């Protein structure tokens, strides 16, 4: 399997990656698009001419973001729809309202290092929001994605996946002492395994999925961690942080490519240790058996 490399790198911006791409008439959804890299992902997709839906919890912030994107791109086709990924009813309403082919689904929204919380179903909140919410959303939008014929799913993961595989025997910390970083790590591993599983199951429907590490960007994602702690020389701007998402969503190099993990706009190397949780992809996050097990467990939980 040839590793995907590009001319872009750590300092490339979403606008640079999307330059020259024409997605006029195509539809895209970006979750969590009212803050952080979600805004810049949506803005770059808007510049390609795509019809972009901002799927957000705070629709007031979403409306302000949509107006800003229109002002900076002249794209009038920016829409806002309510979506709370920790609420199954909210996901169901969003899916029921969607009745058009879908070309790009960017599973961008996420939470990090939360104090211990569980959903009404007793699911650990980071796993429920970061993985199960996006899993249910993609499952509900499968027909719309298949109708496009060449749809892409972009799964925003993190180098935090190096902190933990999915602990299938105790995903929701019913027995283990809760650790916010281990919970975050397994949810980010799940994001990668979802890309592996979705590509394996939906490739013949014209759907591919890839995962990525956006980089260290100072956003409200760190509100439970005391702010960003990455050294300044390794930090990215939101425009740079959105670049890899936009690459996976738009680049011709990714046509018919799925089930892979990228960082700094290039496919990541597999690593044999956590290596400081900075770069690379763990073998357990790309393992087909783990992806199958996660898929079946996710279906069981959502049944």
C-alpha atoms as a PDB file:
ATOM      1  CA  UNK A   1       0.000   0.000   0.000  1.00  0.00           C
ATOM      2  CA  UNK A   2       1.595   3.248  -1.165  1.00  0.00           C
ATOM      3  CA  UNK A   3       1.749   5.956   1.470  1.00  0.00           C
ATOM      4  CA  UNK A   4       0.024   9.191   0.465  1.00  0.00           C
ATOM      5  CA  UNK A   5       2.329  12.211   0.426  1.00  0.00           C
ATOM      6  CA  UNK A   6       1.530  15.740  -0.714  1.00  0.00           C
ATOM      7  CA  UNK A   7       3.248  19.047  -1.344  1.00  0.00           C
ATOM      8  CA  UNK A   8       1.599  20.476   1.776  1.00  0.00           C
ATOM      9  CA  UNK A   9       2.899  20.382   5.325  1.00  0.00           C
ATOM     10  CA  UNK A  10       2.519  21.526   8.922  1.00  0.00           C
ATOM     11  CA  UNK A  11       2.273  25.226   8.088  1.00  0.00           C
ATOM     12  CA  UNK A  12      -0.094  24.878   5.123  1.00  0.00           C
ATOM     13  CA  UNK A  13      -3.505  26.494   5.508  1.00  0.00           C
ATOM     14  CA  UNK A  14      -6.946  25.241   4.589  1.00  0.00           C
ATOM     15  CA  UNK A  15      -7.227  27.936   1.916  1.00  0.00           C
ATOM     16  CA  UNK A  16      -3.975  26.812   0.303  1.00  0.00           C
ATOM     17  CA  UNK A  17      -5.079  23.184   0.278  1.00  0.00           C
ATOM     18  CA  UNK A  18      -8.454  24.033  -1.291  1.00  0.00           C
ATOM     19  CA  UNK A  19      -7.076  26.398  -3.928  1.00  0.00           C
ATOM     20  CA  UNK A  20      -8.219  25.422  -7.410  1.00  0.00           C
ATOM     21  CA  UNK A  21     -10.806  22.907  -6.162  1.00  0.00           C
ATOM     22  CA  UNK A  22     -14.315  23.355  -7.603  1.00  0.00           C
ATOM     23  CA  UNK A  23     -17.165  21.737  -5.668  1.00  0.00           C
ATOM     24  CA  UNK A  24     -19.986  23.861  -7.059  1.00  0.00           C
ATOM     25  CA  UNK A  25     -23.294  22.098  -6.537  1.00  0.00           C
ATOM     26  CA  UNK A  26     -21.841  19.624  -4.041  1.00  0.00           C
ATOM     27  CA  UNK A  27     -23.087  19.529  -0.446  1.00  0.00           C
ATOM     28  CA  UNK A  28     -20.978  19.364   2.700  1.00  0.00           C
ATOM     29  CA  UNK A  29     -21.764  19.083   6.404  1.00  0.00           C
ATOM     30  CA  UNK A  30     -19.269  20.179   9.055  1.00  0.00           C
ATOM     31  CA  UNK A  31     -20.095  19.337  12.666  1.00  0.00           C
ATOM     32  CA  UNK A  32     -18.902  21.748  15.328  1.00  0.00           C
ATOM     33  CA  UNK A  33     -18.510  24.452  12.696  1.00  0.00           C
ATOM     34  CA  UNK A  34     -19.184  27.426  14.962  1.00  0.00           C
ATOM     35  CA  UNK A  35     -15.779  27.424  16.645  1.00  0.00           C
ATOM     36  CA  UNK A  36     -12.108  26.586  16.196  1.00  0.00           C
ATOM     37  CA  UNK A  37     -10.978  24.643  13.162  1.00  0.00           C
ATOM     38  CA  UNK A  38     -14.593  23.867  12.282  1.00  0.00           C
ATOM     39  CA  UNK A  39     -15.067  27.471  11.172  1.00  0.00           C
ATOM     40  CA  UNK A  40     -11.998  27.394   8.950  1.00  0.00           C
ATOM     41  CA  UNK A  41     -12.894  23.985   7.527  1.00  0.00           C
ATOM     42  CA  UNK A  42     -16.324  25.288   6.572  1.00  0.00           C
ATOM     43  CA  UNK A  43     -14.839  28.508   5.182  1.00  0.00           C
ATOM     44  CA  UNK A  44     -12.395  26.640   2.944  1.00  0.00           C
ATOM     45  CA  UNK A  45     -15.173  24.369   1.655  1.00  0.00           C
ATOM     46  CA  UNK A  46     -17.315  27.443   0.999  1.00  0.00           C
ATOM     47  CA  UNK A  47     -14.514  28.878  -1.152  1.00  0.00           C
ATOM     48  CA  UNK A  48     -14.764  25.787  -3.395  1.00  0.00           C
ATOM     49  CA  UNK A  49     -18.389  26.689  -4.161  1.00  0.00           C
ATOM     50  CA  UNK A  50     -19.890  23.890  -2.080  1.00  0.00           C
ATOM     51  CA  UNK A  51     -23.220  24.212  -0.302  1.00  0.00           C
ATOM     52  CA  UNK A  52     -22.114  24.005   3.334  1.00  0.00           C
ATOM     53  CA  UNK A  53     -24.235  23.152   6.360  1.00  0.00           C
ATOM     54  CA  UNK A  54     -22.886  24.096   9.781  1.00  0.00           C
ATOM     55  CA  UNK A  55     -24.176  21.434  12.185  1.00  0.00           C
ATOM     56  CA  UNK A  56     -23.877  23.038  15.607  1.00  0.00           C
ATOM     57  CA  UNK A  57     -25.226  22.983  19.151  1.00  0.00           C
ATOM     58  CA  UNK A  58     -25.311  26.782  19.416  1.00  0.00           C
ATOM     59  CA  UNK A  59     -27.310  27.983  16.434  1.00  0.00           C
ATOM     60  CA  UNK A  60     -26.834  31.648  17.358  1.00  0.00           C
ATOM     61  CA  UNK A  61     -23.058  31.196  17.080  1.00  0.00           C
ATOM     62  CA  UNK A  62     -23.642  29.178  13.922  1.00  0.00           C
ATOM     63  CA  UNK A  63     -25.673  31.988  12.357  1.00  0.00           C
ATOM     64  CA  UNK A  64     -22.924  34.500  13.124  1.00  0.00           C
ATOM     65  CA  UNK A  65     -20.325  32.129  11.661  1.00  0.00           C
ATOM     66  CA  UNK A  66     -22.405  31.595   8.520  1.00  0.00           C
ATOM     67  CA  UNK A  67     -22.673  35.347   7.982  1.00  0.00           C
ATOM     68  CA  UNK A  68     -18.919  35.738   8.433  1.00  0.00           C
ATOM     69  CA  UNK A  69     -18.191  32.918   5.972  1.00  0.00           C
ATOM     70  CA  UNK A  70     -20.525  34.430   3.400  1.00  0.00           C
ATOM     71  CA  UNK A  71     -18.881  37.841   3.850  1.00  0.00           C
ATOM     72  CA  UNK A  72     -15.387  36.431   3.312  1.00  0.00           C
ATOM     73  CA  UNK A  73     -16.183  33.969   0.496  1.00  0.00           C
ATOM     74  CA  UNK A  74     -19.250  35.473  -1.250  1.00  0.00           C
ATOM     75  CA  UNK A  75     -20.861  32.041  -0.979  1.00  0.00           C
ATOM     76  CA  UNK A  76     -24.532  32.550  -0.143  1.00  0.00           C
ATOM     77  CA  UNK A  77     -25.205  28.828   0.304  1.00  0.00           C
ATOM     78  CA  UNK A  78     -24.143  28.512   3.930  1.00  0.00           C
ATOM     79  CA  UNK A  79     -26.777  26.964   6.180  1.00  0.00           C
ATOM     80  CA  UNK A  80     -27.090  26.311   9.910  1.00  0.00           C
ATOM     81  CA  UNK A  81     -28.768  23.310  11.523  1.00  0.00           C
ATOM     82  CA  UNK A  82     -28.997  22.289  15.191  1.00  0.00           C
ATOM     83  CA  UNK A  83     -27.101  19.174  16.206  1.00  0.00           C
ATOM     84  CA  UNK A  84     -26.119  17.891  19.655  1.00  0.00           C
ATOM     85  CA  UNK A  85     -24.000  14.773  19.210  1.00  0.00           C
ATOM     86  CA  UNK A  86     -24.595  13.622  22.781  1.00  0.00           C
ATOM     87  CA  UNK A  87     -28.377  13.588  22.203  1.00  0.00           C
ATOM     88  CA  UNK A  88     -29.762  10.737  20.108  1.00  0.00           C
ATOM     89  CA  UNK A  89     -33.006  12.608  19.475  1.00  0.00           C
ATOM     90  CA  UNK A  90     -31.099  15.612  18.117  1.00  0.00           C
ATOM     91  CA  UNK A  91     -29.173  13.371  15.728  1.00  0.00           C
ATOM     92  CA  UNK A  92     -32.394  11.698  14.608  1.00  0.00           C
ATOM     93  CA  UNK A  93     -34.015  15.083  13.884  1.00  0.00           C
ATOM     94  CA  UNK A  94     -30.994  16.229  11.877  1.00  0.00           C
ATOM     95  CA  UNK A  95     -30.970  13.037   9.798  1.00  0.00           C
ATOM     96  CA  UNK A  96     -34.730  13.134   9.223  1.00  0.00           C
ATOM     97  CA  UNK A  97     -34.470  16.689   7.876  1.00  0.00           C
ATOM     98  CA  UNK A  98     -31.700  15.833   5.390  1.00  0.00           C
ATOM     99  CA  UNK A  99     -33.146  14.796   2.020  1.00  0.00           C
ATOM    100  CA  UNK A 100     -30.395  15.492  -0.532  1.00  0.00           C
ATOM    101  CA  UNK A 101     -27.228  13.732  -1.759  1.00  0.00           C
ATOM    102  CA  UNK A 102     -24.232  14.459   0.453  1.00  0.00           C
ATOM    103  CA  UNK A 103     -20.689  14.732  -0.920  1.00  0.00           C
ATOM    104  CA  UNK A 104     -18.673  15.516   2.226  1.00  0.00           C
ATOM    105  CA  UNK A 105     -19.310  14.792   5.903  1.00  0.00           C
ATOM    106  CA  UNK A 106     -16.683  16.292   8.215  1.00  0.00           C
ATOM    107  CA  UNK A 107     -17.012  14.783  11.690  1.00  0.00           C
ATOM    108  CA  UNK A 108     -15.202  17.677  13.324  1.00  0.00           C
ATOM    109  CA  UNK A 109     -16.969  18.380  16.626  1.00  0.00           C
ATOM    110  CA  UNK A 110     -15.488  17.029  19.813  1.00  0.00           C
ATOM    111  CA  UNK A 111     -14.825  17.380  23.516  1.00  0.00           C
ATOM    112  CA  UNK A 112     -11.563  16.872  25.396  1.00  0.00           C
ATOM    113  CA  UNK A 113     -10.620  15.669  28.883  1.00  0.00           C
ATOM    114  CA  UNK A 114     -14.037  16.193  30.430  1.00  0.00           C
ATOM    115  CA  UNK A 115     -14.640  15.638  34.137  1.00  0.00           C
ATOM    116  CA  UNK A 116     -16.446  12.329  34.525  1.00  0.00           C
ATOM    117  CA  UNK A 117     -19.883  12.523  32.923  1.00  0.00           C
ATOM    118  CA  UNK A 118     -22.275   9.971  31.481  1.00  0.00           C
ATOM    119  CA  UNK A 119     -25.242  10.236  29.148  1.00  0.00           C
ATOM    120  CA  UNK A 120     -28.710   9.039  30.211  1.00  0.00           C
ATOM    121  CA  UNK A 121     -27.767   5.727  28.553  1.00  0.00           C
ATOM    122  CA  UNK A 122     -24.781   5.473  30.956  1.00  0.00           C
ATOM    123  CA  UNK A 123     -22.292   6.018  28.135  1.00  0.00           C
ATOM    124  CA  UNK A 124     -19.076   7.842  28.994  1.00  0.00           C
ATOM    125  CA  UNK A 125     -19.544  11.352  27.597  1.00  0.00           C
ATOM    126  CA  UNK A 126     -16.355  11.672  25.525  1.00  0.00           C
ATOM    127  CA  UNK A 127     -16.923   8.318  23.825  1.00  0.00           C
ATOM    128  CA  UNK A 128     -20.600   9.156  23.356  1.00  0.00           C
ATOM    129  CA  UNK A 129     -19.941  12.575  21.804  1.00  0.00           C
ATOM    130  CA  UNK A 130     -16.718  12.040  19.876  1.00  0.00           C
ATOM    131  CA  UNK A 131     -17.513   8.580  18.525  1.00  0.00           C
ATOM    132  CA  UNK A 132     -21.065   7.347  19.026  1.00  0.00           C
ATOM    133  CA  UNK A 133     -22.676  10.640  18.020  1.00  0.00           C
ATOM    134  CA  UNK A 134     -20.716  10.808  14.783  1.00  0.00           C
ATOM    135  CA  UNK A 135     -21.237   7.086  14.178  1.00  0.00           C
ATOM    136  CA  UNK A 136     -25.002   7.508  14.482  1.00  0.00           C
ATOM    137  CA  UNK A 137     -24.923  10.585  12.271  1.00  0.00           C
ATOM    138  CA  UNK A 138     -22.962   8.847   9.508  1.00  0.00           C
ATOM    139  CA  UNK A 139     -25.174   5.780   9.742  1.00  0.00           C
ATOM    140  CA  UNK A 140     -28.272   7.941   9.394  1.00  0.00           C
ATOM    141  CA  UNK A 141     -26.782   9.807   6.422  1.00  0.00           C
ATOM    142  CA  UNK A 142     -25.551   6.680   4.653  1.00  0.00           C
ATOM    143  CA  UNK A 143     -28.176   6.808   1.916  1.00  0.00           C
ATOM    144  CA  UNK A 144     -27.423  10.478   1.238  1.00  0.00           C
ATOM    145  CA  UNK A 145     -23.697   9.735   1.043  1.00  0.00           C
ATOM    146  CA  UNK A 146     -24.265   6.753  -1.246  1.00  0.00           C
ATOM    147  CA  UNK A 147     -26.492   8.862  -3.503  1.00  0.00           C
ATOM    148  CA  UNK A 148     -23.549  11.144  -4.275  1.00  0.00           C
ATOM    149  CA  UNK A 149     -21.550   8.257  -5.743  1.00  0.00           C
ATOM    150  CA  UNK A 150     -18.137   9.541  -4.600  1.00  0.00           C
ATOM    151  CA  UNK A 151     -18.711  10.775  -1.056  1.00  0.00           C
ATOM    152  CA  UNK A 152     -16.068  11.334   1.580  1.00  0.00           C
ATOM    153  CA  UNK A 153     -16.206  11.192   5.355  1.00  0.00           C
ATOM    154  CA  UNK A 154     -13.524  13.050   7.290  1.00  0.00           C
ATOM    155  CA  UNK A 155     -13.034  11.921  10.893  1.00  0.00           C
ATOM    156  CA  UNK A 156     -11.146  14.386  13.095  1.00  0.00           C
ATOM    157  CA  UNK A 157      -9.082  12.359  15.539  1.00  0.00           C
ATOM    158  CA  UNK A 158      -5.952  13.351  17.478  1.00  0.00           C
ATOM    159  CA  UNK A 159      -2.475  12.239  18.436  1.00  0.00           C
ATOM    160  CA  UNK A 160      -4.260  11.711  21.758  1.00  0.00           C
ATOM    161  CA  UNK A 161      -5.292   8.326  20.362  1.00  0.00           C
ATOM    162  CA  UNK A 162      -1.760   7.207  21.284  1.00  0.00           C
ATOM    163  CA  UNK A 163      -2.777   7.405  24.955  1.00  0.00           C
ATOM    164  CA  UNK A 164      -5.245   4.536  24.776  1.00  0.00           C
ATOM    165  CA  UNK A 165      -6.797   1.898  22.538  1.00  0.00           C
ATOM    166  CA  UNK A 166     -10.514   1.279  22.869  1.00  0.00           C
ATOM    167  CA  UNK A 167     -10.883  -0.769  26.053  1.00  0.00           C
ATOM    168  CA  UNK A 168     -13.748  -2.935  24.849  1.00  0.00           C
ATOM    169  CA  UNK A 169     -14.275  -4.663  28.216  1.00  0.00           C
ATOM    170  CA  UNK A 170     -14.859  -1.343  29.990  1.00  0.00           C
ATOM    171  CA  UNK A 171     -15.461   1.429  27.464  1.00  0.00           C
ATOM    172  CA  UNK A 172     -17.603   3.462  29.837  1.00  0.00           C
ATOM    173  CA  UNK A 173     -15.417   3.237  32.965  1.00  0.00           C
ATOM    174  CA  UNK A 174     -17.884   1.158  34.935  1.00  0.00           C
ATOM    175  CA  UNK A 175     -14.984  -0.684  36.595  1.00  0.00           C
ATOM    176  CA  UNK A 176     -11.832   1.363  35.941  1.00  0.00           C
ATOM    177  CA  UNK A 177     -11.175   4.588  37.837  1.00  0.00           C
ATOM    178  CA  UNK A 178     -12.120   7.368  35.458  1.00  0.00           C
ATOM    179  CA  UNK A 179      -9.234   9.155  33.754  1.00  0.00           C
ATOM    180  CA  UNK A 180     -10.200  12.068  31.472  1.00  0.00           C
ATOM    181  CA  UNK A 181      -7.178  11.602  29.212  1.00  0.00           C
ATOM    182  CA  UNK A 182      -7.604   7.850  28.799  1.00  0.00           C
ATOM    183  CA  UNK A 183     -11.267   8.457  28.003  1.00  0.00           C
ATOM    184  CA  UNK A 184     -10.292  11.087  25.445  1.00  0.00           C
ATOM    185  CA  UNK A 185      -7.616   8.818  23.983  1.00  0.00           C
ATOM    186  CA  UNK A 186      -9.928   5.865  23.409  1.00  0.00           C
ATOM    187  CA  UNK A 187     -12.566   8.131  21.847  1.00  0.00           C
ATOM    188  CA  UNK A 188      -9.963   9.423  19.387  1.00  0.00           C
ATOM    189  CA  UNK A 189      -8.850   5.867  18.611  1.00  0.00           C
ATOM    190  CA  UNK A 190     -12.504   5.128  17.909  1.00  0.00           C
ATOM    191  CA  UNK A 191     -12.571   7.996  15.380  1.00  0.00           C
ATOM    192  CA  UNK A 192      -9.793   6.306  13.396  1.00  0.00           C
ATOM    193  CA  UNK A 193     -11.321   2.832  13.682  1.00  0.00           C
ATOM    194  CA  UNK A 194     -14.591   4.278  12.391  1.00  0.00           C
ATOM    195  CA  UNK A 195     -12.801   5.433   9.216  1.00  0.00           C
ATOM    196  CA  UNK A 196     -11.381   1.930   8.773  1.00  0.00           C
ATOM    197  CA  UNK A 197     -14.747   0.274   9.365  1.00  0.00           C
ATOM    198  CA  UNK A 198     -16.784   2.671   7.228  1.00  0.00           C
ATOM    199  CA  UNK A 199     -14.446   2.321   4.254  1.00  0.00           C
ATOM    200  CA  UNK A 200     -14.536  -1.479   4.494  1.00  0.00           C
ATOM    201  CA  UNK A 201     -18.339  -1.551   4.574  1.00  0.00           C
ATOM    202  CA  UNK A 202     -19.265   1.343   2.296  1.00  0.00           C
ATOM    203  CA  UNK A 203     -16.547   1.449  -0.364  1.00  0.00           C
ATOM    204  CA  UNK A 204     -18.825  -0.274  -2.885  1.00  0.00           C
ATOM    205  CA  UNK A 205     -21.380   2.487  -2.220  1.00  0.00           C
ATOM    206  CA  UNK A 206     -18.813   5.046  -3.374  1.00  0.00           C
ATOM    207  CA  UNK A 207     -18.031   6.178   0.191  1.00  0.00           C
ATOM    208  CA  UNK A 208     -14.553   6.479   1.669  1.00  0.00           C
ATOM    209  CA  UNK A 209     -13.522   7.675   5.125  1.00  0.00           C
ATOM    210  CA  UNK A 210     -10.192   8.866   6.486  1.00  0.00           C
ATOM    211  CA  UNK A 211      -9.064  10.194   9.860  1.00  0.00           C
ATOM    212  CA  UNK A 212      -6.627  12.891  10.848  1.00  0.00           C
ATOM    213  CA  UNK A 213      -4.735  14.749  13.530  1.00  0.00           C
ATOM    214  CA  UNK A 214      -5.308  18.508  13.052  1.00  0.00           C
ATOM    215  CA  UNK A 215      -2.424  19.623  15.263  1.00  0.00           C
ATOM    216  CA  UNK A 216      -2.203  21.701  18.423  1.00  0.00           C
ATOM    217  CA  UNK A 217      -4.485  24.718  18.089  1.00  0.00           C
ATOM    218  CA  UNK A 218      -5.568  27.037  20.900  1.00  0.00           C
ATOM    219  CA  UNK A 219      -9.391  26.779  20.902  1.00  0.00           C
ATOM    220  CA  UNK A 220     -12.167  26.269  23.430  1.00  0.00           C
ATOM    221  CA  UNK A 221     -11.480  22.510  23.130  1.00  0.00           C
ATOM    222  CA  UNK A 222      -8.938  23.013  25.938  1.00  0.00           C
ATOM    223  CA  UNK A 223     -11.392  24.640  28.345  1.00  0.00           C
ATOM    224  CA  UNK A 224     -11.135  21.658  30.749  1.00  0.00           C
ATOM    225  CA  UNK A 225      -7.347  21.415  30.577  1.00  0.00           C
ATOM    226  CA  UNK A 226      -6.242  24.876  31.643  1.00  0.00           C
ATOM    227  CA  UNK A 227      -5.453  25.947  28.095  1.00  0.00           C
ATOM    228  CA  UNK A 228      -3.067  24.694  25.459  1.00  0.00           C
ATOM    229  CA  UNK A 229       0.275  23.409  26.775  1.00  0.00           C
ATOM    230  CA  UNK A 230       2.029  22.567  23.521  1.00  0.00           C
ATOM    231  CA  UNK A 231       5.206  24.626  23.002  1.00  0.00           C
ATOM    232  CA  UNK A 232       4.482  27.699  20.813  1.00  0.00           C
ATOM    233  CA  UNK A 233       6.778  26.483  18.034  1.00  0.00           C
ATOM    234  CA  UNK A 234       4.599  23.372  17.620  1.00  0.00           C
ATOM    235  CA  UNK A 235       1.241  25.154  17.693  1.00  0.00           C
ATOM    236  CA  UNK A 236      -0.883  25.896  14.636  1.00  0.00           C
ATOM    237  CA  UNK A 237      -3.375  28.607  13.774  1.00  0.00           C
ATOM    238  CA  UNK A 238      -6.991  27.497  13.177  1.00  0.00           C
ATOM    239  CA  UNK A 239      -6.392  28.011   9.438  1.00  0.00           C
ATOM    240  CA  UNK A 240      -3.433  25.621   9.587  1.00  0.00           C
ATOM    241  CA  UNK A 241      -5.287  23.211  11.848  1.00  0.00           C
ATOM    242  CA  UNK A 242      -8.120  22.886   9.317  1.00  0.00           C
ATOM    243  CA  UNK A 243      -5.773  22.128   6.423  1.00  0.00           C
ATOM    244  CA  UNK A 244      -5.613  18.343   6.809  1.00  0.00           C
ATOM    245  CA  UNK A 245      -9.397  18.075   7.155  1.00  0.00           C
ATOM    246  CA  UNK A 246      -9.836  20.049   3.949  1.00  0.00           C
ATOM    247  CA  UNK A 247      -7.191  17.974   2.173  1.00  0.00           C
ATOM    248  CA  UNK A 248      -9.055  14.753   2.997  1.00  0.00           C
ATOM    249  CA  UNK A 249     -12.355  16.316   1.953  1.00  0.00           C
ATOM    250  CA  UNK A 250     -11.224  17.748  -1.382  1.00  0.00           C
ATOM    251  CA  UNK A 251      -7.896  16.514  -2.758  1.00  0.00           C
ATOM    252  CA  UNK A 252      -7.890  14.406  -5.952  1.00  0.00           C
ATOM    253  CA  UNK A 253      -5.068  12.400  -4.335  1.00  0.00           C
ATOM    254  CA  UNK A 254      -7.634  10.907  -1.957  1.00  0.00           C
ATOM    255  CA  UNK A 255     -10.006   9.640  -4.637  1.00  0.00           C
ATOM    256  CA  UNK A 256     -10.974   6.046  -3.738  1.00  0.00           C
ATOM    257  CA  UNK A 257      -8.602   6.138  -0.745  1.00  0.00           C
ATOM    258  CA  UNK A 258      -9.957   5.321   2.707  1.00  0.00           C
ATOM    259  CA  UNK A 259      -9.237   3.796   6.076  1.00  0.00           C
ATOM    260  CA  UNK A 260      -6.072   5.836   6.659  1.00  0.00           C
ATOM    261  CA  UNK A 261      -4.775   8.402   9.147  1.00  0.00           C
ATOM    262  CA  UNK A 262      -3.110  11.711   8.255  1.00  0.00           C
ATOM    263  CA  UNK A 263      -1.234  14.508  10.026  1.00  0.00           C
ATOM    264  CA  UNK A 264       0.287  17.708   8.657  1.00  0.00           C
ATOM    265  CA  UNK A 265      -1.412  17.022   5.287  1.00  0.00           C
ATOM    266  CA  UNK A 266       0.393  13.699   4.777  1.00  0.00           C
ATOM    267  CA  UNK A 267      -0.315  10.101   5.704  1.00  0.00           C
ATOM    268  CA  UNK A 268       1.188   9.278   9.092  1.00  0.00           C
ATOM    269  CA  UNK A 269       3.716   6.556   9.820  1.00  0.00           C
ATOM    270  CA  UNK A 270       2.864   3.712  12.180  1.00  0.00           C
ATOM    271  CA  UNK A 271       4.685   3.925  15.506  1.00  0.00           C
ATOM    272  CA  UNK A 272       5.545   1.218  18.007  1.00  0.00           C
ATOM    273  CA  UNK A 273       5.213   3.330  21.155  1.00  0.00           C
ATOM    274  CA  UNK A 274       3.359   6.409  22.368  1.00  0.00           C
ATOM    275  CA  UNK A 275       6.466   8.492  21.552  1.00  0.00           C
ATOM    276  CA  UNK A 276       5.360  11.364  23.732  1.00  0.00           C
ATOM    277  CA  UNK A 277       1.871  11.371  22.173  1.00  0.00           C
ATOM    278  CA  UNK A 278       3.091  13.766  19.504  1.00  0.00           C
ATOM    279  CA  UNK A 279       2.919  12.051  16.113  1.00  0.00           C
ATOM    280  CA  UNK A 280       2.299   8.857  14.193  1.00  0.00           C
ATOM    281  CA  UNK A 281      -0.506   6.339  14.301  1.00  0.00           C
ATOM    282  CA  UNK A 282      -0.826   3.336  16.605  1.00  0.00           C
ATOM    283  CA  UNK A 283      -1.292  -0.042  14.899  1.00  0.00           C
ATOM    284  CA  UNK A 284      -4.300  -0.777  17.117  1.00  0.00           C
ATOM    285  CA  UNK A 285      -6.081   2.247  15.604  1.00  0.00           C
ATOM    286  CA  UNK A 286      -5.849   0.834  12.061  1.00  0.00           C
ATOM    287  CA  UNK A 287      -6.534  -2.788  12.974  1.00  0.00           C
ATOM    288  CA  UNK A 288      -9.400  -4.258  10.938  1.00  0.00           C
ATOM    289  CA  UNK A 289     -10.470  -6.635  13.718  1.00  0.00           C
ATOM    290  CA  UNK A 290     -10.661  -3.753  16.199  1.00  0.00           C
ATOM    291  CA  UNK A 291     -12.653  -1.750  13.651  1.00  0.00           C
ATOM    292  CA  UNK A 292     -15.106  -4.620  13.208  1.00  0.00           C
ATOM    293  CA  UNK A 293     -15.499  -5.055  16.946  1.00  0.00           C
ATOM    294  CA  UNK A 294     -16.094  -1.344  17.452  1.00  0.00           C
ATOM    295  CA  UNK A 295     -18.639  -1.246  14.625  1.00  0.00           C
ATOM    296  CA  UNK A 296     -20.638  -4.102  16.100  1.00  0.00           C
ATOM    297  CA  UNK A 297     -20.461  -2.666  19.625  1.00  0.00           C
ATOM    298  CA  UNK A 298     -21.584   0.730  18.334  1.00  0.00           C
ATOM    299  CA  UNK A 299     -24.546  -0.832  16.546  1.00  0.00           C
ATOM    300  CA  UNK A 300     -25.451  -2.715  19.722  1.00  0.00           C
ATOM    301  CA  UNK A 301     -25.340   0.437  21.829  1.00  0.00           C
ATOM    302  CA  UNK A 302     -27.455   2.407  19.371  1.00  0.00           C
ATOM    303  CA  UNK A 303     -29.958  -0.399  18.762  1.00  0.00           C
END
